[in-house]
Each structure stands twice: as C-alpha cells, then as structure tokens.
Amino acid sequence: MAPFRFIGFGLIFSFLFIQQILLADTPVLSNDETQSIQRQFQEASKEPGAILFTPPSGWRVANPKALPKSVKAMVVGKGAYEFPPSINLSSEIYDGTLKQYLKRVKEINDSRGAQWKDLGKISTEAGPASLSQVDTKTQWGDVRMMHVILKKENTIYIVTASALQKEFPKFYKDFFNSLKSLHFNQ
C-alpha cells in the first residue's frame, strides 16, 4: 500500500476526535474506490515536502468525506470485534514547544477521564518524536491509542493508532511499524 500524504494545517488535536471518528461507524470504500484513492495518494506523495506514513498491508482507506477536517488520512484494519483497529494522520499549527504541547495533551486527556502516559522518544524516519499512550473507556470497551507527535518548525504532526485494549497486542507490530514510518518526501 502506498504511503499517505496530507496538505493543510491549522488543525485541532486528532486525539480529541479519534474516538468520535471510530464510534461514528466510519464507512470504508469499495475496492475500486480504495484503489482510486490509493493511486491519488501515491501521486500526491511524490510532491516535495509531503508528510507520509506507510499503513499495514491489507488495511482499507476510510472514506475521506466521512472524516473531520482534523484527520487527513485514516486506514482501518479488521479486528474480531465491532470496534476496528485504525491509524490516522493529522497536523496543526503550534507555536509553543513540544514539551508544552505534551503538557496540553495530558491536561486534555485528564479532563476527559482518560489515562495518558508519556512513553518517551521514538525515532521516526521524519526525525525524533514523542511517543505516548492513552487508555480510555468507550461503549465498545476499553480502547488503547498510541500517538507519535512530531514538531517541525511551527507544525505538530500526529499519527494515532488505536484498537480495543484486548486486541492491541495483536496489532502492536503493525502499529509500531506505521508509527515509525512517518517521513517527509524529499
């Protein structure tokens, strides 16, 4: 599967909306539509400066029209339960430091009753980034999310991987590979 690219900034926190995205029964595209979108992403990914990640093989592209503006690309895998595993990519303009941003992330998650953990640094192809984990309760059960948060110049880039906690270990390797694959097209 080709990497995903997005353009456009001024987005709000992706992790504020990931639960809403998944809980909204986000439709996936047909095979023909998926192939068409993937071709478009592949072409767009050739543009200099594009930010990309490589999704797990066989995952389907969520219908971009069903996603909020804060999420530029989302792929959905197959799980054993109604709540599917997913990975999404977003960004936002931010003038503060990464440390300040992470403090804000913690405050937001704490205010929502979620458990947020700073897991330290992760090396992505785009450079060093922050890795964090969020555990939250949903109507489908306990959900775990991992975020790679990268700050370049005045933009925050976020890749979020999520699944039910009981299924998270099954997808961990795919998630980790996709999270580390974040890179800029030269």
N, C-alpha and C. Protein backbone atom coordinates (compact mmCIF):
# COMPACT_ATOMS: atom_id res chain seq x y z
N MET A 1 0.84 -1.18 0.00
CA MET A 1 0.00 0.00 0.00
C MET A 1 0.89 1.24 0.00
N ALA A 2 0.51 2.23 -0.71
CA ALA A 2 1.29 3.46 -0.82
C ALA A 2 1.19 4.27 0.46
N PRO A 3 2.21 5.10 0.76
CA PRO A 3 2.14 6.00 1.90
C PRO A 3 1.03 7.03 1.69
N PHE A 4 0.62 7.66 2.80
CA PHE A 4 -0.41 8.68 2.75
C PHE A 4 0.21 10.05 2.90
N ARG A 5 -0.38 11.03 2.28
CA ARG A 5 0.11 12.39 2.29
C ARG A 5 -1.05 13.30 2.65
N PHE A 6 -0.73 14.40 3.31
CA PHE A 6 -1.75 15.42 3.50
C PHE A 6 -1.11 16.79 3.41
N ILE A 7 -1.93 17.74 3.02
CA ILE A 7 -1.53 19.13 2.98
C ILE A 7 -2.59 19.89 3.75
N GLY A 8 -2.21 20.93 4.42
CA GLY A 8 -3.17 21.75 5.14
C GLY A 8 -2.89 21.71 6.62
N PHE A 9 -2.92 22.87 7.22
CA PHE A 9 -2.58 22.96 8.62
C PHE A 9 -3.68 23.71 9.36
N GLY A 10 -3.43 24.09 10.60
CA GLY A 10 -4.44 24.76 11.39
C GLY A 10 -5.47 23.77 11.90
N LEU A 11 -5.05 22.54 12.10
CA LEU A 11 -5.97 21.52 12.57
C LEU A 11 -6.00 21.46 14.08
N ILE A 12 -7.05 20.91 14.61
CA ILE A 12 -7.13 20.73 16.05
C ILE A 12 -6.67 19.34 16.42
N PHE A 13 -6.53 19.06 17.69
CA PHE A 13 -5.97 17.80 18.18
C PHE A 13 -6.72 16.59 17.60
N SER A 14 -5.97 15.70 16.95
CA SER A 14 -6.59 14.50 16.39
C SER A 14 -7.11 13.59 17.49
N PHE A 15 -6.44 13.56 18.60
CA PHE A 15 -6.84 12.64 19.65
C PHE A 15 -8.11 13.09 20.34
N LEU A 16 -8.54 14.35 20.17
CA LEU A 16 -9.83 14.77 20.69
C LEU A 16 -10.96 14.14 19.88
N PHE A 17 -10.67 13.79 18.63
CA PHE A 17 -11.70 13.32 17.73
C PHE A 17 -11.61 11.85 17.37
N ILE A 18 -10.51 11.17 17.69
CA ILE A 18 -10.36 9.79 17.23
C ILE A 18 -11.49 8.91 17.73
N GLN A 19 -11.88 9.07 18.97
CA GLN A 19 -12.97 8.25 19.48
C GLN A 19 -14.26 8.55 18.71
N GLN A 20 -14.53 9.82 18.44
CA GLN A 20 -15.73 10.17 17.69
C GLN A 20 -15.69 9.59 16.28
N ILE A 21 -14.53 9.60 15.66
CA ILE A 21 -14.38 9.07 14.30
C ILE A 21 -14.73 7.59 14.29
N LEU A 22 -14.14 6.85 15.19
CA LEU A 22 -14.35 5.41 15.21
C LEU A 22 -15.75 5.05 15.67
N LEU A 23 -16.28 5.80 16.59
CA LEU A 23 -17.60 5.48 17.11
C LEU A 23 -18.70 5.86 16.13
N ALA A 24 -18.36 6.66 15.14
CA ALA A 24 -19.35 7.10 14.16
C ALA A 24 -19.54 6.09 13.04
N ASP A 25 -19.00 4.88 13.20
CA ASP A 25 -19.13 3.83 12.19
C ASP A 25 -18.64 4.35 10.84
N THR A 26 -17.41 4.87 10.84
CA THR A 26 -16.82 5.44 9.63
C THR A 26 -16.86 4.42 8.50
N PRO A 27 -17.52 4.75 7.40
CA PRO A 27 -17.59 3.79 6.29
C PRO A 27 -16.26 3.64 5.59
N VAL A 28 -16.02 2.47 5.06
CA VAL A 28 -14.83 2.26 4.24
C VAL A 28 -15.27 2.20 2.79
N LEU A 29 -14.32 2.40 1.92
CA LEU A 29 -14.61 2.47 0.50
C LEU A 29 -14.62 1.08 -0.12
N SER A 30 -15.24 0.96 -1.29
CA SER A 30 -15.19 -0.28 -2.05
C SER A 30 -13.76 -0.50 -2.53
N ASN A 31 -13.47 -1.70 -3.03
CA ASN A 31 -12.13 -1.99 -3.53
C ASN A 31 -11.73 -1.04 -4.67
N ASP A 32 -12.65 -0.77 -5.61
CA ASP A 32 -12.35 0.14 -6.71
C ASP A 32 -12.09 1.56 -6.19
N GLU A 33 -12.93 2.02 -5.25
CA GLU A 33 -12.74 3.35 -4.69
C GLU A 33 -11.43 3.41 -3.91
N THR A 34 -11.12 2.35 -3.15
CA THR A 34 -9.88 2.31 -2.39
C THR A 34 -8.68 2.39 -3.32
N GLN A 35 -8.69 1.63 -4.40
CA GLN A 35 -7.59 1.66 -5.35
C GLN A 35 -7.44 3.04 -5.98
N SER A 36 -8.55 3.69 -6.28
CA SER A 36 -8.51 5.03 -6.84
C SER A 36 -7.90 6.02 -5.85
N ILE A 37 -8.34 5.97 -4.60
CA ILE A 37 -7.80 6.86 -3.57
C ILE A 37 -6.32 6.57 -3.36
N GLN A 38 -5.94 5.29 -3.35
CA GLN A 38 -4.54 4.94 -3.16
C GLN A 38 -3.67 5.46 -4.30
N ARG A 39 -4.17 5.41 -5.51
CA ARG A 39 -3.43 5.97 -6.65
C ARG A 39 -3.26 7.48 -6.49
N GLN A 40 -4.33 8.15 -6.04
CA GLN A 40 -4.26 9.59 -5.81
C GLN A 40 -3.22 9.91 -4.74
N PHE A 41 -3.23 9.15 -3.64
CA PHE A 41 -2.26 9.37 -2.57
C PHE A 41 -0.85 9.10 -3.07
N GLN A 42 -0.70 8.06 -3.88
CA GLN A 42 0.62 7.71 -4.40
C GLN A 42 1.16 8.86 -5.26
N GLU A 43 0.31 9.41 -6.11
CA GLU A 43 0.71 10.54 -6.94
C GLU A 43 1.03 11.76 -6.07
N ALA A 44 0.16 12.05 -5.11
CA ALA A 44 0.38 13.21 -4.24
C ALA A 44 1.64 13.05 -3.40
N SER A 45 1.97 11.81 -3.05
CA SER A 45 3.15 11.57 -2.20
C SER A 45 4.46 11.87 -2.92
N LYS A 46 4.41 12.06 -4.22
CA LYS A 46 5.62 12.38 -4.98
C LYS A 46 5.99 13.86 -4.86
N GLU A 47 5.06 14.66 -4.33
CA GLU A 47 5.33 16.09 -4.20
C GLU A 47 6.36 16.33 -3.11
N PRO A 48 7.33 17.22 -3.35
CA PRO A 48 8.33 17.52 -2.32
C PRO A 48 7.68 18.05 -1.04
N GLY A 49 8.17 17.59 0.09
CA GLY A 49 7.67 18.07 1.37
C GLY A 49 6.45 17.35 1.90
N ALA A 50 5.89 16.42 1.15
CA ALA A 50 4.71 15.69 1.61
C ALA A 50 5.06 14.89 2.86
N ILE A 51 4.16 14.84 3.82
CA ILE A 51 4.37 14.00 5.01
C ILE A 51 3.62 12.70 4.79
N LEU A 52 4.25 11.60 5.12
CA LEU A 52 3.74 10.29 4.77
C LEU A 52 3.86 9.31 5.93
N PHE A 53 3.02 8.29 5.90
CA PHE A 53 3.24 7.10 6.73
C PHE A 53 2.82 5.90 5.89
N THR A 54 3.37 4.75 6.22
CA THR A 54 3.05 3.54 5.48
C THR A 54 2.10 2.70 6.32
N PRO A 55 0.87 2.51 5.86
CA PRO A 55 -0.10 1.72 6.62
C PRO A 55 0.18 0.23 6.50
N PRO A 56 -0.37 -0.56 7.41
CA PRO A 56 -0.21 -2.02 7.31
C PRO A 56 -0.81 -2.55 6.01
N SER A 57 -0.21 -3.58 5.49
CA SER A 57 -0.69 -4.22 4.27
C SER A 57 -2.10 -4.76 4.47
N GLY A 58 -2.95 -4.53 3.48
CA GLY A 58 -4.31 -5.06 3.51
C GLY A 58 -5.32 -4.20 4.25
N TRP A 59 -4.89 -3.12 4.88
CA TRP A 59 -5.84 -2.24 5.56
C TRP A 59 -6.54 -1.38 4.53
N ARG A 60 -7.77 -0.99 4.85
CA ARG A 60 -8.58 -0.23 3.90
C ARG A 60 -8.59 1.25 4.26
N VAL A 61 -8.74 2.06 3.26
CA VAL A 61 -8.80 3.50 3.42
C VAL A 61 -10.20 3.90 3.86
N ALA A 62 -10.29 4.68 4.93
CA ALA A 62 -11.60 5.21 5.34
C ALA A 62 -12.01 6.29 4.35
N ASN A 63 -13.28 6.40 4.14
CA ASN A 63 -13.80 7.39 3.21
C ASN A 63 -13.41 8.79 3.70
N PRO A 64 -12.59 9.51 2.94
CA PRO A 64 -12.14 10.83 3.39
C PRO A 64 -13.29 11.80 3.64
N LYS A 65 -14.39 11.63 2.94
CA LYS A 65 -15.54 12.52 3.12
C LYS A 65 -16.21 12.33 4.48
N ALA A 66 -16.01 11.17 5.11
CA ALA A 66 -16.62 10.88 6.40
C ALA A 66 -15.76 11.35 7.57
N LEU A 67 -14.54 11.80 7.29
CA LEU A 67 -13.62 12.20 8.35
C LEU A 67 -13.73 13.68 8.65
N PRO A 68 -13.53 14.07 9.91
CA PRO A 68 -13.48 15.50 10.20
C PRO A 68 -12.24 16.11 9.56
N LYS A 69 -12.24 17.42 9.40
CA LYS A 69 -11.13 18.11 8.75
C LYS A 69 -9.80 17.89 9.47
N SER A 70 -9.85 17.60 10.76
CA SER A 70 -8.61 17.42 11.52
C SER A 70 -7.89 16.12 11.17
N VAL A 71 -8.57 15.20 10.53
CA VAL A 71 -7.95 13.92 10.16
C VAL A 71 -7.83 13.89 8.64
N LYS A 72 -6.58 13.81 8.17
CA LYS A 72 -6.33 13.88 6.74
C LYS A 72 -6.29 12.52 6.07
N ALA A 73 -5.96 11.48 6.81
CA ALA A 73 -5.94 10.13 6.26
C ALA A 73 -6.20 9.16 7.39
N MET A 74 -6.94 8.10 7.09
CA MET A 74 -7.24 7.09 8.08
C MET A 74 -7.34 5.74 7.38
N VAL A 75 -6.70 4.74 7.97
CA VAL A 75 -6.83 3.38 7.47
C VAL A 75 -7.45 2.54 8.58
N VAL A 76 -8.20 1.53 8.16
CA VAL A 76 -8.93 0.69 9.10
C VAL A 76 -8.60 -0.77 8.82
N GLY A 77 -8.27 -1.50 9.87
CA GLY A 77 -7.98 -2.93 9.75
C GLY A 77 -9.18 -3.75 10.17
N LYS A 78 -8.98 -5.05 10.21
CA LYS A 78 -10.05 -5.96 10.64
C LYS A 78 -9.70 -6.52 12.00
N GLY A 79 -10.62 -6.32 12.91
CA GLY A 79 -10.48 -6.88 14.24
C GLY A 79 -11.56 -7.92 14.45
N ALA A 80 -11.55 -8.52 15.61
CA ALA A 80 -12.53 -9.56 15.93
C ALA A 80 -13.82 -8.98 16.51
N TYR A 81 -13.82 -7.66 16.74
CA TYR A 81 -14.96 -7.03 17.40
C TYR A 81 -15.48 -5.87 16.55
N GLU A 82 -16.56 -5.25 17.02
CA GLU A 82 -17.20 -4.17 16.28
C GLU A 82 -16.29 -2.94 16.15
N PHE A 83 -15.47 -2.69 17.14
CA PHE A 83 -14.56 -1.55 17.13
C PHE A 83 -13.30 -1.94 16.36
N PRO A 84 -13.07 -1.38 15.16
CA PRO A 84 -11.93 -1.81 14.34
C PRO A 84 -10.63 -1.11 14.74
N PRO A 85 -9.49 -1.76 14.50
CA PRO A 85 -8.22 -1.07 14.68
C PRO A 85 -8.08 -0.01 13.58
N SER A 86 -7.38 1.08 13.89
CA SER A 86 -7.22 2.14 12.89
C SER A 86 -5.94 2.93 13.14
N ILE A 87 -5.52 3.63 12.09
CA ILE A 87 -4.39 4.56 12.17
C ILE A 87 -4.80 5.80 11.40
N ASN A 88 -4.54 6.98 11.98
CA ASN A 88 -4.85 8.22 11.27
C ASN A 88 -3.71 9.21 11.39
N LEU A 89 -3.74 10.19 10.51
CA LEU A 89 -2.70 11.21 10.42
C LEU A 89 -3.35 12.59 10.43
N SER A 90 -2.79 13.50 11.24
CA SER A 90 -3.30 14.86 11.29
C SER A 90 -2.16 15.82 11.62
N SER A 91 -2.47 17.10 11.58
CA SER A 91 -1.48 18.11 11.95
C SER A 91 -2.20 19.35 12.44
N GLU A 92 -1.42 20.24 13.07
CA GLU A 92 -1.94 21.54 13.46
C GLU A 92 -0.79 22.51 13.63
N ILE A 93 -1.07 23.78 13.42
CA ILE A 93 -0.09 24.83 13.67
C ILE A 93 0.04 24.97 15.18
N TYR A 94 1.30 25.07 15.65
CA TYR A 94 1.53 25.25 17.09
C TYR A 94 2.84 26.00 17.26
N ASP A 95 2.79 27.13 17.97
CA ASP A 95 3.97 27.97 18.13
C ASP A 95 4.78 27.64 19.38
N GLY A 96 4.24 26.85 20.29
CA GLY A 96 4.96 26.51 21.51
C GLY A 96 5.95 25.39 21.29
N THR A 97 6.51 24.90 22.38
CA THR A 97 7.46 23.79 22.31
C THR A 97 6.72 22.46 22.34
N LEU A 98 7.41 21.41 21.96
CA LEU A 98 6.81 20.07 22.04
C LEU A 98 6.47 19.73 23.49
N LYS A 99 7.34 20.11 24.41
CA LYS A 99 7.08 19.86 25.84
C LYS A 99 5.78 20.54 26.29
N GLN A 100 5.55 21.78 25.86
CA GLN A 100 4.31 22.48 26.19
C GLN A 100 3.11 21.79 25.56
N TYR A 101 3.28 21.34 24.35
CA TYR A 101 2.19 20.65 23.65
C TYR A 101 1.81 19.37 24.39
N LEU A 102 2.82 18.59 24.80
CA LEU A 102 2.56 17.35 25.52
C LEU A 102 1.87 17.62 26.85
N LYS A 103 2.22 18.71 27.51
CA LYS A 103 1.54 19.08 28.76
C LYS A 103 0.06 19.35 28.48
N ARG A 104 -0.19 20.02 27.38
CA ARG A 104 -1.58 20.31 26.97
C ARG A 104 -2.34 19.01 26.66
N VAL A 105 -1.66 18.09 25.98
CA VAL A 105 -2.26 16.79 25.67
C VAL A 105 -2.65 16.06 26.96
N LYS A 106 -1.74 16.04 27.92
CA LYS A 106 -2.02 15.39 29.19
C LYS A 106 -3.23 16.02 29.89
N GLU A 107 -3.26 17.34 29.92
CA GLU A 107 -4.39 18.05 30.56
C GLU A 107 -5.71 17.71 29.89
N ILE A 108 -5.72 17.67 28.57
CA ILE A 108 -6.96 17.37 27.84
C ILE A 108 -7.42 15.95 28.14
N ASN A 109 -6.50 15.00 28.10
CA ASN A 109 -6.86 13.61 28.39
C ASN A 109 -7.31 13.43 29.82
N ASP A 110 -6.62 14.08 30.76
CA ASP A 110 -7.02 14.01 32.18
C ASP A 110 -8.44 14.55 32.36
N SER A 111 -8.75 15.64 31.68
CA SER A 111 -10.07 16.26 31.81
C SER A 111 -11.18 15.36 31.25
N ARG A 112 -10.82 14.42 30.37
CA ARG A 112 -11.80 13.52 29.76
C ARG A 112 -11.84 12.17 30.46
N GLY A 113 -11.07 12.02 31.54
CA GLY A 113 -11.07 10.76 32.28
C GLY A 113 -10.22 9.67 31.65
N ALA A 114 -9.39 10.03 30.69
CA ALA A 114 -8.51 9.06 30.04
C ALA A 114 -7.18 9.00 30.79
N GLN A 115 -6.50 7.89 30.65
CA GLN A 115 -5.18 7.74 31.26
C GLN A 115 -4.12 7.94 30.19
N TRP A 116 -3.34 9.03 30.32
CA TRP A 116 -2.31 9.37 29.35
C TRP A 116 -0.94 9.08 29.94
N LYS A 117 -0.06 8.48 29.15
CA LYS A 117 1.31 8.20 29.58
C LYS A 117 2.28 8.69 28.51
N ASP A 118 3.30 9.40 28.95
CA ASP A 118 4.39 9.78 28.06
C ASP A 118 5.36 8.61 28.03
N LEU A 119 5.54 7.98 26.87
CA LEU A 119 6.41 6.81 26.75
C LEU A 119 7.82 7.18 26.31
N GLY A 120 8.09 8.48 26.16
CA GLY A 120 9.43 8.92 25.80
C GLY A 120 9.56 9.22 24.32
N LYS A 121 10.78 9.10 23.84
CA LYS A 121 11.07 9.42 22.44
C LYS A 121 10.99 8.18 21.56
N ILE A 122 10.70 8.42 20.28
CA ILE A 122 10.70 7.38 19.26
C ILE A 122 11.41 7.95 18.03
N SER A 123 12.20 7.13 17.39
CA SER A 123 12.86 7.55 16.15
C SER A 123 11.96 7.23 14.98
N THR A 124 11.52 8.27 14.28
CA THR A 124 10.75 8.08 13.05
C THR A 124 11.66 8.45 11.89
N GLU A 125 11.24 8.10 10.70
CA GLU A 125 12.00 8.48 9.52
C GLU A 125 12.02 10.00 9.33
N ALA A 126 11.05 10.71 9.95
CA ALA A 126 10.99 12.17 9.87
C ALA A 126 11.84 12.82 10.96
N GLY A 127 12.34 12.02 11.89
CA GLY A 127 13.15 12.55 12.99
C GLY A 127 12.60 12.09 14.33
N PRO A 128 13.26 12.51 15.41
CA PRO A 128 12.80 12.11 16.74
C PRO A 128 11.44 12.72 17.06
N ALA A 129 10.61 11.94 17.72
CA ALA A 129 9.25 12.37 18.06
C ALA A 129 8.91 11.85 19.45
N SER A 130 7.79 12.29 19.95
CA SER A 130 7.28 11.82 21.24
C SER A 130 6.33 10.65 21.00
N LEU A 131 6.42 9.66 21.87
CA LEU A 131 5.51 8.52 21.83
C LEU A 131 4.68 8.54 23.11
N SER A 132 3.38 8.48 22.97
CA SER A 132 2.52 8.46 24.15
C SER A 132 1.41 7.45 23.96
N GLN A 133 0.77 7.12 25.08
CA GLN A 133 -0.30 6.12 25.08
C GLN A 133 -1.48 6.68 25.86
N VAL A 134 -2.67 6.41 25.37
CA VAL A 134 -3.90 6.82 26.03
C VAL A 134 -4.80 5.60 26.17
N ASP A 135 -5.29 5.36 27.37
CA ASP A 135 -6.29 4.33 27.61
C ASP A 135 -7.58 5.04 28.00
N THR A 136 -8.66 4.67 27.33
CA THR A 136 -9.94 5.32 27.58
C THR A 136 -11.06 4.29 27.47
N LYS A 137 -12.18 4.60 28.07
CA LYS A 137 -13.35 3.72 28.02
C LYS A 137 -14.32 4.23 26.97
N THR A 138 -14.89 3.29 26.21
CA THR A 138 -15.89 3.63 25.21
C THR A 138 -17.07 2.68 25.39
N GLN A 139 -18.11 2.89 24.61
CA GLN A 139 -19.27 2.00 24.68
C GLN A 139 -18.92 0.59 24.19
N TRP A 140 -17.80 0.44 23.48
CA TRP A 140 -17.38 -0.87 22.99
C TRP A 140 -16.37 -1.55 23.91
N GLY A 141 -15.95 -0.84 24.93
CA GLY A 141 -14.97 -1.38 25.86
C GLY A 141 -13.76 -0.48 25.96
N ASP A 142 -12.72 -0.98 26.61
CA ASP A 142 -11.50 -0.20 26.82
C ASP A 142 -10.70 -0.12 25.52
N VAL A 143 -10.29 1.10 25.18
CA VAL A 143 -9.55 1.36 23.95
C VAL A 143 -8.17 1.91 24.32
N ARG A 144 -7.17 1.45 23.58
CA ARG A 144 -5.81 1.97 23.73
C ARG A 144 -5.43 2.69 22.44
N MET A 145 -4.84 3.87 22.62
CA MET A 145 -4.32 4.65 21.50
C MET A 145 -2.85 4.93 21.75
N MET A 146 -2.07 4.90 20.69
CA MET A 146 -0.69 5.35 20.74
C MET A 146 -0.56 6.51 19.78
N HIS A 147 0.17 7.56 20.23
CA HIS A 147 0.39 8.74 19.41
C HIS A 147 1.87 8.96 19.19
N VAL A 148 2.25 9.21 17.96
CA VAL A 148 3.56 9.76 17.66
C VAL A 148 3.31 11.22 17.35
N ILE A 149 3.98 12.08 18.11
CA ILE A 149 3.79 13.52 17.95
C ILE A 149 5.15 14.13 17.60
N LEU A 150 5.19 14.74 16.44
CA LEU A 150 6.42 15.30 15.90
C LEU A 150 6.21 16.79 15.67
N LYS A 151 7.17 17.60 16.12
CA LYS A 151 7.10 19.05 15.86
C LYS A 151 8.21 19.42 14.90
N LYS A 152 7.84 20.02 13.79
CA LYS A 152 8.78 20.56 12.81
C LYS A 152 8.37 22.00 12.55
N GLU A 153 9.31 22.91 12.78
CA GLU A 153 9.05 24.33 12.65
C GLU A 153 7.84 24.68 13.51
N ASN A 154 6.78 25.23 12.96
CA ASN A 154 5.62 25.60 13.78
C ASN A 154 4.42 24.67 13.54
N THR A 155 4.70 23.42 13.19
CA THR A 155 3.62 22.47 12.93
C THR A 155 3.82 21.20 13.76
N ILE A 156 2.73 20.73 14.33
CA ILE A 156 2.69 19.46 15.04
C ILE A 156 2.07 18.44 14.09
N TYR A 157 2.73 17.29 13.95
CA TYR A 157 2.22 16.17 13.16
C TYR A 157 1.89 15.04 14.12
N ILE A 158 0.75 14.42 13.94
CA ILE A 158 0.30 13.37 14.85
C ILE A 158 -0.14 12.15 14.05
N VAL A 159 0.42 10.99 14.39
CA VAL A 159 -0.06 9.72 13.88
C VAL A 159 -0.65 8.99 15.08
N THR A 160 -1.90 8.57 14.97
CA THR A 160 -2.60 7.89 16.06
C THR A 160 -3.00 6.49 15.63
N ALA A 161 -2.63 5.51 16.44
CA ALA A 161 -3.02 4.11 16.22
C ALA A 161 -3.94 3.72 17.37
N SER A 162 -5.06 3.06 17.06
CA SER A 162 -5.97 2.69 18.14
C SER A 162 -6.63 1.34 17.89
N ALA A 163 -6.93 0.66 18.99
CA ALA A 163 -7.63 -0.63 18.96
C ALA A 163 -8.18 -0.89 20.35
N LEU A 164 -9.08 -1.84 20.43
CA LEU A 164 -9.53 -2.29 21.75
C LEU A 164 -8.30 -2.79 22.52
N GLN A 165 -8.25 -2.52 23.81
CA GLN A 165 -7.09 -2.96 24.60
C GLN A 165 -6.86 -4.46 24.49
N LYS A 166 -7.94 -5.24 24.46
CA LYS A 166 -7.78 -6.69 24.39
C LYS A 166 -7.22 -7.14 23.04
N GLU A 167 -7.33 -6.31 22.00
CA GLU A 167 -6.78 -6.64 20.68
C GLU A 167 -5.48 -5.91 20.38
N PHE A 168 -5.13 -4.94 21.18
CA PHE A 168 -3.98 -4.10 20.88
C PHE A 168 -2.70 -4.91 20.65
N PRO A 169 -2.41 -5.93 21.50
CA PRO A 169 -1.18 -6.70 21.27
C PRO A 169 -1.13 -7.37 19.89
N LYS A 170 -2.27 -7.75 19.37
CA LYS A 170 -2.34 -8.39 18.05
C LYS A 170 -1.87 -7.43 16.95
N PHE A 171 -2.13 -6.14 17.12
CA PHE A 171 -1.80 -5.14 16.10
C PHE A 171 -0.55 -4.34 16.42
N TYR A 172 0.08 -4.60 17.56
CA TYR A 172 1.19 -3.77 18.01
C TYR A 172 2.30 -3.66 16.96
N LYS A 173 2.72 -4.77 16.38
CA LYS A 173 3.82 -4.74 15.41
C LYS A 173 3.45 -3.87 14.20
N ASP A 174 2.24 -4.04 13.66
CA ASP A 174 1.78 -3.22 12.54
C ASP A 174 1.72 -1.75 12.93
N PHE A 175 1.16 -1.47 14.11
CA PHE A 175 1.07 -0.09 14.59
C PHE A 175 2.47 0.52 14.68
N PHE A 176 3.37 -0.19 15.35
CA PHE A 176 4.71 0.34 15.59
C PHE A 176 5.43 0.63 14.27
N ASN A 177 5.33 -0.29 13.32
CA ASN A 177 5.96 -0.07 12.01
C ASN A 177 5.39 1.15 11.31
N SER A 178 4.07 1.35 11.36
CA SER A 178 3.45 2.51 10.73
C SER A 178 3.84 3.79 11.44
N LEU A 179 3.86 3.77 12.77
CA LEU A 179 4.23 4.95 13.53
C LEU A 179 5.66 5.38 13.21
N LYS A 180 6.57 4.42 13.14
CA LYS A 180 7.98 4.74 12.86
C LYS A 180 8.19 5.17 11.40
N SER A 181 7.26 4.82 10.52
CA SER A 181 7.43 5.13 9.10
C SER A 181 7.14 6.58 8.74
N LEU A 182 6.67 7.38 9.69
CA LEU A 182 6.37 8.78 9.41
C LEU A 182 7.61 9.44 8.81
N HIS A 183 7.44 10.06 7.63
CA HIS A 183 8.57 10.71 6.98
C HIS A 183 8.10 11.80 6.02
N PHE A 184 9.04 12.66 5.69
CA PHE A 184 8.78 13.71 4.71
C PHE A 184 9.36 13.27 3.37
N ASN A 185 8.63 13.50 2.32
CA ASN A 185 9.11 13.20 0.98
C ASN A 185 10.14 14.25 0.59
N GLN A 186 11.31 13.82 0.19
CA GLN A 186 12.38 14.75 -0.22
C GLN A 186 12.24 15.05 -1.69
